[in-house]
């Protein structure tokens, strides 16, 4: 099961931030961390062991992911982060390999 939605507008200021690198609390320094770009596409995917909310730029770069117990929790996280600024969720057909390309198409 996979669902996607488009981010219509990034909240200003963003409600959450995703970074490359360990948190400062785990000994990382500001120089070792890099903030990821804002998301344009969100993907929810059910996998063994839980449900994942992935964030992608329009160029297909992954810019963060979070694990969730179920679909409702993943949708709730997306709504929290983007505060009503996302499109409706759309089912991704199982034969689609590039979700970002699919999402940016005429869907």
PDB file of N, CA and C in Angstrom:
ATOM      1  N   UNK A   1       0.845  -1.168   0.000  1.00  0.00           N
ATOM      2  CA  UNK A   1       0.000   0.000   0.000  1.00  0.00           C
ATOM      3  C   UNK A   1       0.893   1.235   0.000  1.00  0.00           C
ATOM      4  N   UNK A   2       0.645   2.122  -0.973  1.00  0.00           N
ATOM      5  CA  UNK A   2       1.369   3.393  -1.060  1.00  0.00           C
ATOM      6  C   UNK A   2       0.386   4.506  -1.396  1.00  0.00           C
ATOM      7  N   UNK A   3       0.559   5.629  -0.743  1.00  0.00           N
ATOM      8  CA  UNK A   3      -0.246   6.823  -0.990  1.00  0.00           C
ATOM      9  C   UNK A   3       0.697   7.999  -1.141  1.00  0.00           C
ATOM     10  N   UNK A   4       0.332   8.971  -1.995  1.00  0.00           N
ATOM     11  CA  UNK A   4       1.132  10.183  -2.076  1.00  0.00           C
ATOM     12  C   UNK A   4       0.221  11.389  -1.987  1.00  0.00           C
ATOM     13  N   UNK A   5       0.811  12.516  -1.635  1.00  0.00           N
ATOM     14  CA  UNK A   5       0.153  13.806  -1.741  1.00  0.00           C
ATOM     15  C   UNK A   5       1.211  14.840  -2.083  1.00  0.00           C
ATOM     16  N   UNK A   6       0.758  15.971  -2.586  1.00  0.00           N
ATOM     17  CA  UNK A   6       1.659  17.070  -2.920  1.00  0.00           C
ATOM     18  C   UNK A   6       1.632  18.088  -1.786  1.00  0.00           C
ATOM     19  N   UNK A   7       2.786  18.666  -1.539  1.00  0.00           N
ATOM     20  CA  UNK A   7       2.877  19.763  -0.582  1.00  0.00           C
ATOM     21  C   UNK A   7       2.544  21.031  -1.360  1.00  0.00           C
ATOM     22  N   UNK A   8       1.467  21.699  -0.996  1.00  0.00           N
ATOM     23  CA  UNK A   8       1.017  22.882  -1.720  1.00  0.00           C
ATOM     24  C   UNK A   8       1.816  24.118  -1.325  1.00  0.00           C
ATOM     25  N   UNK A   9       2.249  24.137  -0.073  1.00  0.00           N
ATOM     26  CA  UNK A   9       3.039  25.261   0.431  1.00  0.00           C
ATOM     27  C   UNK A   9       3.710  24.806   1.722  1.00  0.00           C
ATOM     28  N   UNK A  10       4.975  25.156   1.889  1.00  0.00           N
ATOM     29  CA  UNK A  10       5.689  24.817   3.121  1.00  0.00           C
ATOM     30  C   UNK A  10       5.338  25.875   4.160  1.00  0.00           C
ATOM     31  N   UNK A  11       4.915  25.475   5.347  1.00  0.00           N
ATOM     32  CA  UNK A  11       4.609  26.459   6.392  1.00  0.00           C
ATOM     33  C   UNK A  11       5.838  27.321   6.699  1.00  0.00           C
ATOM     34  N   UNK A  12       5.594  28.555   7.015  1.00  0.00           N
ATOM     35  CA  UNK A  12       6.691  29.464   7.370  1.00  0.00           C
ATOM     36  C   UNK A  12       6.407  30.034   8.748  1.00  0.00           C
ATOM     37  N   UNK A  13       7.239  29.715   9.705  1.00  0.00           N
ATOM     38  CA  UNK A  13       8.407  28.835   9.642  1.00  0.00           C
ATOM     39  C   UNK A  13       7.966  27.377   9.591  1.00  0.00           C
ATOM     40  N   UNK A  14       8.858  26.486   9.095  1.00  0.00           N
ATOM     41  CA  UNK A  14       8.501  25.064   9.061  1.00  0.00           C
ATOM     42  C   UNK A  14       8.217  24.540  10.461  1.00  0.00           C
ATOM     43  N   UNK A  15       7.259  23.629  10.569  1.00  0.00           N
ATOM     44  CA  UNK A  15       6.914  23.073  11.879  1.00  0.00           C
ATOM     45  C   UNK A  15       7.903  22.000  12.314  1.00  0.00           C
ATOM     46  N   UNK A  16       8.575  21.383  11.355  1.00  0.00           N
ATOM     47  CA  UNK A  16       9.628  20.408  11.653  1.00  0.00           C
ATOM     48  C   UNK A  16      10.778  20.645  10.680  1.00  0.00           C
ATOM     49  N   UNK A  17      11.947  20.160  11.059  1.00  0.00           N
ATOM     50  CA  UNK A  17      13.123  20.243  10.202  1.00  0.00           C
ATOM     51  C   UNK A  17      13.796  18.880  10.190  1.00  0.00           C
ATOM     52  N   UNK A  18      14.286  18.486   9.019  1.00  0.00           N
ATOM     53  CA  UNK A  18      14.975  17.212   8.882  1.00  0.00           C
ATOM     54  C   UNK A  18      16.420  17.491   8.503  1.00  0.00           C
ATOM     55  N   UNK A  19      17.327  16.731   9.115  1.00  0.00           N
ATOM     56  CA  UNK A  19      18.761  16.964   8.941  1.00  0.00           C
ATOM     57  C   UNK A  19      19.475  15.708   8.491  1.00  0.00           C
ATOM     58  N   UNK A  20      20.606  15.920   7.821  1.00  0.00           N
ATOM     59  CA  UNK A  20      21.575  14.861   7.559  1.00  0.00           C
ATOM     60  C   UNK A  20      22.580  14.959   8.693  1.00  0.00           C
ATOM     61  N   UNK A  21      22.847  13.858   9.378  1.00  0.00           N
ATOM     62  CA  UNK A  21      23.774  13.867  10.505  1.00  0.00           C
ATOM     63  C   UNK A  21      23.060  13.594  11.813  1.00  0.00           C
ATOM     64  N   UNK A  22      23.841  13.271  12.806  1.00  0.00           N
ATOM     65  CA  UNK A  22      23.293  12.960  14.125  1.00  0.00           C
ATOM     66  C   UNK A  22      22.810  14.213  14.836  1.00  0.00           C
ATOM     67  N   UNK A  23      21.847  14.069  15.737  1.00  0.00           N
ATOM     68  CA  UNK A  23      21.400  15.208  16.544  1.00  0.00           C
ATOM     69  C   UNK A  23      22.540  15.754  17.410  1.00  0.00           C
ATOM     70  N   UNK A  24      22.445  17.015  17.748  1.00  0.00           N
ATOM     71  CA  UNK A  24      23.452  17.645  18.603  1.00  0.00           C
ATOM     72  C   UNK A  24      23.565  16.916  19.937  1.00  0.00           C
ATOM     73  N   UNK A  25      22.432  16.384  20.418  1.00  0.00           N
ATOM     74  CA  UNK A  25      22.412  15.680  21.699  1.00  0.00           C
ATOM     75  C   UNK A  25      23.264  14.418  21.674  1.00  0.00           C
ATOM     76  N   UNK A  26      23.562  13.903  20.476  1.00  0.00           N
ATOM     77  CA  UNK A  26      24.377  12.692  20.359  1.00  0.00           C
ATOM     78  C   UNK A  26      25.820  13.005  19.979  1.00  0.00           C
ATOM     79  N   UNK A  27      26.219  14.249  20.188  1.00  0.00           N
ATOM     80  CA  UNK A  27      27.620  14.610  20.006  1.00  0.00           C
ATOM     81  C   UNK A  27      27.970  15.222  18.670  1.00  0.00           C
ATOM     82  N   UNK A  28      27.002  15.420  17.800  1.00  0.00           N
ATOM     83  CA  UNK A  28      27.274  16.052  16.510  1.00  0.00           C
ATOM     84  C   UNK A  28      27.497  17.545  16.711  1.00  0.00           C
ATOM     85  N   UNK A  29      28.170  18.176  15.784  1.00  0.00           N
ATOM     86  CA  UNK A  29      28.339  19.633  15.819  1.00  0.00           C
ATOM     87  C   UNK A  29      27.511  20.256  14.703  1.00  0.00           C
ATOM     88  N   UNK A  30      27.268  21.557  14.807  1.00  0.00           N
ATOM     89  CA  UNK A  30      26.496  22.255  13.772  1.00  0.00           C
ATOM     90  C   UNK A  30      27.135  22.083  12.397  1.00  0.00           C
ATOM     91  N   UNK A  31      28.456  22.036  12.348  1.00  0.00           N
ATOM     92  CA  UNK A  31      29.163  21.895  11.075  1.00  0.00           C
ATOM     93  C   UNK A  31      28.948  20.514  10.456  1.00  0.00           C
ATOM     94  N   UNK A  32      28.668  19.506  11.289  1.00  0.00           N
ATOM     95  CA  UNK A  32      28.477  18.143  10.801  1.00  0.00           C
ATOM     96  C   UNK A  32      27.052  17.875  10.341  1.00  0.00           C
ATOM     97  N   UNK A  33      26.144  18.778  10.660  1.00  0.00           N
ATOM     98  CA  UNK A  33      24.736  18.602  10.294  1.00  0.00           C
ATOM     99  C   UNK A  33      24.372  19.497   9.133  1.00  0.00           C
ATOM    100  N   UNK A  34      23.469  19.014   8.302  1.00  0.00           N
ATOM    101  CA  UNK A  34      23.011  19.801   7.170  1.00  0.00           C
ATOM    102  C   UNK A  34      21.494  19.677   7.089  1.00  0.00           C
ATOM    103  N   UNK A  35      20.797  20.818   7.064  1.00  0.00           N
ATOM    104  CA  UNK A  35      19.346  20.778   6.975  1.00  0.00           C
ATOM    105  C   UNK A  35      18.943  20.363   5.560  1.00  0.00           C
ATOM    106  N   UNK A  36      17.975  19.479   5.477  1.00  0.00           N
ATOM    107  CA  UNK A  36      17.489  18.995   4.191  1.00  0.00           C
ATOM    108  C   UNK A  36      16.557  20.029   3.562  1.00  0.00           C
ATOM    109  N   UNK A  37      16.401  19.930   2.263  1.00  0.00           N
ATOM    110  CA  UNK A  37      15.504  20.815   1.511  1.00  0.00           C
ATOM    111  C   UNK A  37      14.047  20.550   1.916  1.00  0.00           C
ATOM    112  N   UNK A  38      13.155  21.510   1.686  1.00  0.00           N
ATOM    113  CA  UNK A  38      11.740  21.268   1.977  1.00  0.00           C
ATOM    114  C   UNK A  38      11.142  20.227   1.019  1.00  0.00           C
ATOM    115  N   UNK A  39      10.133  19.553   1.483  1.00  0.00           N
ATOM    116  CA  UNK A  39       9.477  18.505   0.692  1.00  0.00           C
ATOM    117  C   UNK A  39       8.473  19.096  -0.284  1.00  0.00           C
ATOM    118  N   UNK A  40       8.347  18.438  -1.436  1.00  0.00           N
ATOM    119  CA  UNK A  40       7.326  18.762  -2.427  1.00  0.00           C
ATOM    120  C   UNK A  40       6.290  17.646  -2.541  1.00  0.00           C
ATOM    121  N   UNK A  41       6.734  16.417  -2.256  1.00  0.00           N
ATOM    122  CA  UNK A  41       5.879  15.237  -2.363  1.00  0.00           C
ATOM    123  C   UNK A  41       6.019  14.432  -1.074  1.00  0.00           C
ATOM    124  N   UNK A  42       4.902  13.926  -0.558  1.00  0.00           N
ATOM    125  CA  UNK A  42       4.914  13.022   0.590  1.00  0.00           C
ATOM    126  C   UNK A  42       4.440  11.655   0.123  1.00  0.00           C
ATOM    127  N   UNK A  43       5.068  10.624   0.635  1.00  0.00           N
ATOM    128  CA  UNK A  43       4.698   9.255   0.299  1.00  0.00           C
ATOM    129  C   UNK A  43       4.522   8.474   1.585  1.00  0.00           C
ATOM    130  N   UNK A  44       3.407   7.802   1.719  1.00  0.00           N
ATOM    131  CA  UNK A  44       3.188   6.867   2.819  1.00  0.00           C
ATOM    132  C   UNK A  44       3.266   5.475   2.225  1.00  0.00           C
ATOM    133  N   UNK A  45       4.096   4.648   2.843  1.00  0.00           N
ATOM    134  CA  UNK A  45       4.274   3.283   2.342  1.00  0.00           C
ATOM    135  C   UNK A  45       4.242   2.308   3.504  1.00  0.00           C
ATOM    136  N   UNK A  46       3.378   1.299   3.385  1.00  0.00           N
ATOM    137  CA  UNK A  46       3.305   0.251   4.400  1.00  0.00           C
ATOM    138  C   UNK A  46       4.356  -0.802   4.068  1.00  0.00           C
ATOM    139  N   UNK A  47       5.180  -1.122   5.055  1.00  0.00           N
ATOM    140  CA  UNK A  47       6.218  -2.141   4.906  1.00  0.00           C
ATOM    141  C   UNK A  47       6.147  -3.064   6.110  1.00  0.00           C
ATOM    142  N   UNK A  48       6.912  -4.150   6.043  1.00  0.00           N
ATOM    143  CA  UNK A  48       6.993  -5.024   7.214  1.00  0.00           C
ATOM    144  C   UNK A  48       7.492  -4.198   8.393  1.00  0.00           C
ATOM    145  N   UNK A  49       6.802  -4.280   9.499  1.00  0.00           N
ATOM    146  CA  UNK A  49       7.250  -3.583  10.697  1.00  0.00           C
ATOM    147  C   UNK A  49       6.710  -2.192  10.882  1.00  0.00           C
ATOM    148  N   UNK A  50       5.863  -1.727   9.991  1.00  0.00           N
ATOM    149  CA  UNK A  50       5.293  -0.405  10.208  1.00  0.00           C
ATOM    150  C   UNK A  50       4.982   0.333   8.927  1.00  0.00           C
ATOM    151  N   UNK A  51       4.701   1.605   9.104  1.00  0.00           N
ATOM    152  CA  UNK A  51       4.338   2.490   8.003  1.00  0.00           C
ATOM    153  C   UNK A  51       5.332   3.638   7.998  1.00  0.00           C
ATOM    154  N   UNK A  52       5.817   3.997   6.815  1.00  0.00           N
ATOM    155  CA  UNK A  52       6.807   5.054   6.684  1.00  0.00           C
ATOM    156  C   UNK A  52       6.219   6.243   5.946  1.00  0.00           C
ATOM    157  N   UNK A  53       6.569   7.427   6.423  1.00  0.00           N
ATOM    158  CA  UNK A  53       6.231   8.679   5.745  1.00  0.00           C
ATOM    159  C   UNK A  53       7.538   9.220   5.178  1.00  0.00           C
ATOM    160  N   UNK A  54       7.631   9.207   3.838  1.00  0.00           N
ATOM    161  CA  UNK A  54       8.819   9.700   3.150  1.00  0.00           C
ATOM    162  C   UNK A  54       8.528  11.086   2.587  1.00  0.00           C
ATOM    163  N   UNK A  55       9.556  11.908   2.558  1.00  0.00           N
ATOM    164  CA  UNK A  55       9.451  13.252   1.988  1.00  0.00           C
ATOM    165  C   UNK A  55      10.439  13.350   0.833  1.00  0.00           C
ATOM    166  N   UNK A  56       9.994  13.928  -0.299  1.00  0.00           N
ATOM    167  CA  UNK A  56      10.829  14.056  -1.489  1.00  0.00           C
ATOM    168  C   UNK A  56      10.742  15.466  -2.053  1.00  0.00           C
ATOM    169  N   UNK A  57      11.833  15.912  -2.684  1.00  0.00           N
ATOM    170  CA  UNK A  57      11.789  17.144  -3.466  1.00  0.00           C
ATOM    171  C   UNK A  57      11.218  16.805  -4.836  1.00  0.00           C
ATOM    172  N   UNK A  58      10.909  17.840  -5.621  1.00  0.00           N
ATOM    173  CA  UNK A  58      10.391  17.628  -6.973  1.00  0.00           C
ATOM    174  C   UNK A  58      11.420  16.952  -7.872  1.00  0.00           C
ATOM    175  N   UNK A  59      12.701  17.036  -7.515  1.00  0.00           N
ATOM    176  CA  UNK A  59      13.739  16.374  -8.314  1.00  0.00           C
ATOM    177  C   UNK A  59      13.957  14.925  -7.887  1.00  0.00           C
ATOM    178  N   UNK A  60      13.203  14.455  -6.889  1.00  0.00           N
ATOM    179  CA  UNK A  60      13.278  13.061  -6.465  1.00  0.00           C
ATOM    180  C   UNK A  60      14.223  12.785  -5.320  1.00  0.00           C
ATOM    181  N   UNK A  61      14.827  13.821  -4.752  1.00  0.00           N
ATOM    182  CA  UNK A  61      15.740  13.639  -3.611  1.00  0.00           C
ATOM    183  C   UNK A  61      14.930  13.371  -2.344  1.00  0.00           C
ATOM    184  N   UNK A  62      15.310  12.334  -1.612  1.00  0.00           N
ATOM    185  CA  UNK A  62      14.633  12.056  -0.351  1.00  0.00           C
ATOM    186  C   UNK A  62      15.122  13.054   0.693  1.00  0.00           C
ATOM    187  N   UNK A  63      14.178  13.693   1.376  1.00  0.00           N
ATOM    188  CA  UNK A  63      14.522  14.727   2.357  1.00  0.00           C
ATOM    189  C   UNK A  63      13.879  14.446   3.714  1.00  0.00           C
ATOM    190  N   UNK A  64      13.944  13.185   4.107  1.00  0.00           N
ATOM    191  CA  UNK A  64      13.479  12.818   5.433  1.00  0.00           C
ATOM    192  C   UNK A  64      12.454  11.708   5.406  1.00  0.00           C
ATOM    193  N   UNK A  65      12.426  10.951   6.490  1.00  0.00           N
ATOM    194  CA  UNK A  65      11.427   9.898   6.637  1.00  0.00           C
ATOM    195  C   UNK A  65      11.190   9.677   8.118  1.00  0.00           C
ATOM    196  N   UNK A  66      10.011   9.185   8.410  1.00  0.00           N
ATOM    197  CA  UNK A  66       9.657   8.843   9.783  1.00  0.00           C
ATOM    198  C   UNK A  66       8.887   7.535   9.789  1.00  0.00           C
ATOM    199  N   UNK A  67       9.046   6.769  10.866  1.00  0.00           N
ATOM    200  CA  UNK A  67       8.356   5.500  11.055  1.00  0.00           C
ATOM    201  C   UNK A  67       7.103   5.749  11.859  1.00  0.00           C
ATOM    202  N   UNK A  68       6.032   5.020  11.520  1.00  0.00           N
ATOM    203  CA  UNK A  68       4.761   5.144  12.241  1.00  0.00           C
ATOM    204  C   UNK A  68       4.142   3.771  12.421  1.00  0.00           C
ATOM    205  N   UNK A  69       3.356   3.643  13.452  1.00  0.00           N
ATOM    206  CA  UNK A  69       2.716   2.373  13.778  1.00  0.00           C
ATOM    207  C   UNK A  69       1.652   1.986  12.755  1.00  0.00           C
ATOM    208  N   UNK A  70       0.933   3.004  12.230  1.00  0.00           N
ATOM    209  CA  UNK A  70      -0.155   2.711  11.298  1.00  0.00           C
ATOM    210  C   UNK A  70      -0.380   3.886  10.352  1.00  0.00           C
ATOM    211  N   UNK A  71      -1.273   3.697   9.399  1.00  0.00           N
ATOM    212  CA  UNK A  71      -1.568   4.701   8.391  1.00  0.00           C
ATOM    213  C   UNK A  71      -2.081   6.003   9.010  1.00  0.00           C
ATOM    214  N   UNK A  72      -2.946   5.896   9.982  1.00  0.00           N
ATOM    215  CA  UNK A  72      -3.513   7.087  10.610  1.00  0.00           C
ATOM    216  C   UNK A  72      -2.432   7.933  11.274  1.00  0.00           C
ATOM    217  N   UNK A  73      -1.473   7.290  11.934  1.00  0.00           N
ATOM    218  CA  UNK A  73      -0.382   8.026  12.566  1.00  0.00           C
ATOM    219  C   UNK A  73       0.472   8.746  11.531  1.00  0.00           C
ATOM    220  N   UNK A  74       0.743   8.092  10.401  1.00  0.00           N
ATOM    221  CA  UNK A  74       1.550   8.716   9.344  1.00  0.00           C
ATOM    222  C   UNK A  74       0.817   9.927   8.760  1.00  0.00           C
ATOM    223  N   UNK A  75      -0.474   9.788   8.519  1.00  0.00           N
ATOM    224  CA  UNK A  75      -1.258  10.915   8.001  1.00  0.00           C
ATOM    225  C   UNK A  75      -1.305  12.059   9.013  1.00  0.00           C
ATOM    226  N   UNK A  76      -1.433  11.705  10.270  1.00  0.00           N
ATOM    227  CA  UNK A  76      -1.452  12.720  11.329  1.00  0.00           C
ATOM    228  C   UNK A  76      -0.129  13.496  11.349  1.00  0.00           C
ATOM    229  N   UNK A  77       0.994  12.794  11.206  1.00  0.00           N
ATOM    230  CA  UNK A  77       2.301  13.458  11.181  1.00  0.00           C
ATOM    231  C   UNK A  77       2.399  14.404   9.986  1.00  0.00           C
ATOM    232  N   UNK A  78       1.947  13.969   8.827  1.00  0.00           N
ATOM    233  CA  UNK A  78       1.971  14.827   7.643  1.00  0.00           C
ATOM    234  C   UNK A  78       1.122  16.073   7.861  1.00  0.00           C
ATOM    235  N   UNK A  79      -0.046  15.895   8.440  1.00  0.00           N
ATOM    236  CA  UNK A  79      -0.921  17.032   8.707  1.00  0.00           C
ATOM    237  C   UNK A  79      -0.287  17.978   9.732  1.00  0.00           C
ATOM    238  N   UNK A  80       0.360  17.427  10.747  1.00  0.00           N
ATOM    239  CA  UNK A  80       1.044  18.265  11.730  1.00  0.00           C
ATOM    240  C   UNK A  80       2.128  19.101  11.062  1.00  0.00           C
ATOM    241  N   UNK A  81       2.948  18.456  10.246  1.00  0.00           N
ATOM    242  CA  UNK A  81       4.073  19.156   9.621  1.00  0.00           C
ATOM    243  C   UNK A  81       3.635  20.225   8.634  1.00  0.00           C
ATOM    244  N   UNK A  82       2.548  19.959   7.896  1.00  0.00           N
ATOM    245  CA  UNK A  82       2.187  20.857   6.805  1.00  0.00           C
ATOM    246  C   UNK A  82       0.871  21.600   7.016  1.00  0.00           C
ATOM    247  N   UNK A  83       0.259  21.423   8.177  1.00  0.00           N
ATOM    248  CA  UNK A  83      -0.860  22.249   8.647  1.00  0.00           C
ATOM    249  C   UNK A  83      -1.897  22.599   7.579  1.00  0.00           C
ATOM    250  N   UNK A  84      -2.457  21.578   6.921  1.00  0.00           N
ATOM    251  CA  UNK A  84      -3.505  21.820   5.943  1.00  0.00           C
ATOM    252  C   UNK A  84      -3.000  22.269   4.578  1.00  0.00           C
ATOM    253  N   UNK A  85      -1.705  22.227   4.366  1.00  0.00           N
ATOM    254  CA  UNK A  85      -1.112  22.707   3.112  1.00  0.00           C
ATOM    255  C   UNK A  85      -0.689  21.561   2.196  1.00  0.00           C
ATOM    256  N   UNK A  86      -1.442  20.453   2.242  1.00  0.00           N
ATOM    257  CA  UNK A  86      -1.162  19.313   1.370  1.00  0.00           C
ATOM    258  C   UNK A  86      -2.428  18.964   0.595  1.00  0.00           C
ATOM    259  N   UNK A  87      -2.223  18.330  -0.566  1.00  0.00           N
ATOM    260  CA  UNK A  87      -3.359  17.889  -1.382  1.00  0.00           C
ATOM    261  C   UNK A  87      -3.966  16.623  -0.775  1.00  0.00           C
ATOM    262  N   UNK A  88      -5.005  16.143  -1.406  1.00  0.00           N
ATOM    263  CA  UNK A  88      -5.627  14.888  -0.974  1.00  0.00           C
ATOM    264  C   UNK A  88      -4.672  13.725  -1.243  1.00  0.00           C
ATOM    265  N   UNK A  89      -4.775  12.688  -0.447  1.00  0.00           N
ATOM    266  CA  UNK A  89      -3.959  11.489  -0.639  1.00  0.00           C
ATOM    267  C   UNK A  89      -4.483  10.693  -1.821  1.00  0.00           C
ATOM    268  N   UNK A  90      -3.552  10.184  -2.639  1.00  0.00           N
ATOM    269  CA  UNK A  90      -3.885   9.424  -3.843  1.00  0.00           C
ATOM    270  C   UNK A  90      -3.157   8.084  -3.777  1.00  0.00           C
ATOM    271  N   UNK A  91      -3.839   7.017  -4.153  1.00  0.00           N
ATOM    272  CA  UNK A  91      -3.226   5.686  -4.185  1.00  0.00           C
ATOM    273  C   UNK A  91      -2.223   5.618  -5.327  1.00  0.00           C
ATOM    274  N   UNK A  92      -1.049   5.064  -5.036  1.00  0.00           N
ATOM    275  CA  UNK A  92      -0.029   4.836  -6.061  1.00  0.00           C
ATOM    276  C   UNK A  92      -0.194   3.402  -6.552  1.00  0.00           C
ATOM    277  N   UNK A  93      -0.450   3.216  -7.859  1.00  0.00           N
ATOM    278  CA  UNK A  93      -0.585   1.854  -8.381  1.00  0.00           C
ATOM    279  C   UNK A  93       0.679   1.037  -8.137  1.00  0.00           C
ATOM    280  N   UNK A  94       0.525  -0.252  -7.954  1.00  0.00           N
ATOM    281  CA  UNK A  94       1.658  -1.121  -7.621  1.00  0.00           C
ATOM    282  C   UNK A  94       2.693  -1.194  -8.742  1.00  0.00           C
ATOM    283  N   UNK A  95       2.307  -0.896  -9.982  1.00  0.00           N
ATOM    284  CA  UNK A  95       3.258  -0.969 -11.087  1.00  0.00           C
ATOM    285  C   UNK A  95       4.098   0.300 -11.254  1.00  0.00           C
ATOM    286  N   UNK A  96       3.854   1.333 -10.439  1.00  0.00           N
ATOM    287  CA  UNK A  96       4.617   2.579 -10.530  1.00  0.00           C
ATOM    288  C   UNK A  96       5.923   2.423  -9.768  1.00  0.00           C
ATOM    289  N   UNK A  97       7.042   2.661 -10.459  1.00  0.00           N
ATOM    290  CA  UNK A  97       8.342   2.545  -9.800  1.00  0.00           C
ATOM    291  C   UNK A  97       8.866   3.899  -9.335  1.00  0.00           C
ATOM    292  N   UNK A  98       8.552   4.985 -10.042  1.00  0.00           N
ATOM    293  CA  UNK A  98       9.017   6.319  -9.668  1.00  0.00           C
ATOM    294  C   UNK A  98       7.829   7.130  -9.163  1.00  0.00           C
ATOM    295  N   UNK A  99       7.662   7.130  -7.857  1.00  0.00           N
ATOM    296  CA  UNK A  99       6.501   7.785  -7.251  1.00  0.00           C
ATOM    297  C   UNK A  99       6.531   9.290  -7.479  1.00  0.00           C
ATOM    298  N   UNK A 100       7.701   9.900  -7.409  1.00  0.00           N
ATOM    299  CA  UNK A 100       7.794  11.352  -7.595  1.00  0.00           C
ATOM    300  C   UNK A 100       7.370  11.725  -9.012  1.00  0.00           C
ATOM    301  N   UNK A 101       7.874  11.021 -10.003  1.00  0.00           N
ATOM    302  CA  UNK A 101       7.485  11.280 -11.396  1.00  0.00           C
ATOM    303  C   UNK A 101       5.984  11.096 -11.564  1.00  0.00           C
ATOM    304  N   UNK A 102       5.457  10.033 -10.972  1.00  0.00           N
ATOM    305  CA  UNK A 102       4.019   9.771 -11.025  1.00  0.00           C
ATOM    306  C   UNK A 102       3.239  10.919 -10.385  1.00  0.00           C
ATOM    307  N   UNK A 103       3.683  11.351  -9.227  1.00  0.00           N
ATOM    308  CA  UNK A 103       2.981  12.410  -8.497  1.00  0.00           C
ATOM    309  C   UNK A 103       3.035  13.748  -9.235  1.00  0.00           C
ATOM    310  N   UNK A 104       4.141  14.021  -9.879  1.00  0.00           N
ATOM    311  CA  UNK A 104       4.289  15.300 -10.585  1.00  0.00           C
ATOM    312  C   UNK A 104       3.633  15.302 -11.959  1.00  0.00           C
ATOM    313  N   UNK A 105       3.218  14.098 -12.399  1.00  0.00           N
ATOM    314  CA  UNK A 105       2.507  14.000 -13.677  1.00  0.00           C
ATOM    315  C   UNK A 105       1.146  14.648 -13.570  1.00  0.00           C
ATOM    316  N   UNK A 106       0.227  14.194 -14.304  1.00  0.00           N
ATOM    317  CA  UNK A 106      -1.102  14.799 -14.337  1.00  0.00           C
ATOM    318  C   UNK A 106      -2.004  14.290 -13.234  1.00  0.00           C
ATOM    319  N   UNK A 107      -1.436  13.838 -12.153  1.00  0.00           N
ATOM    320  CA  UNK A 107      -2.211  13.286 -11.029  1.00  0.00           C
ATOM    321  C   UNK A 107      -2.360  14.309  -9.946  1.00  0.00           C
TER     322      UNK A 107
END
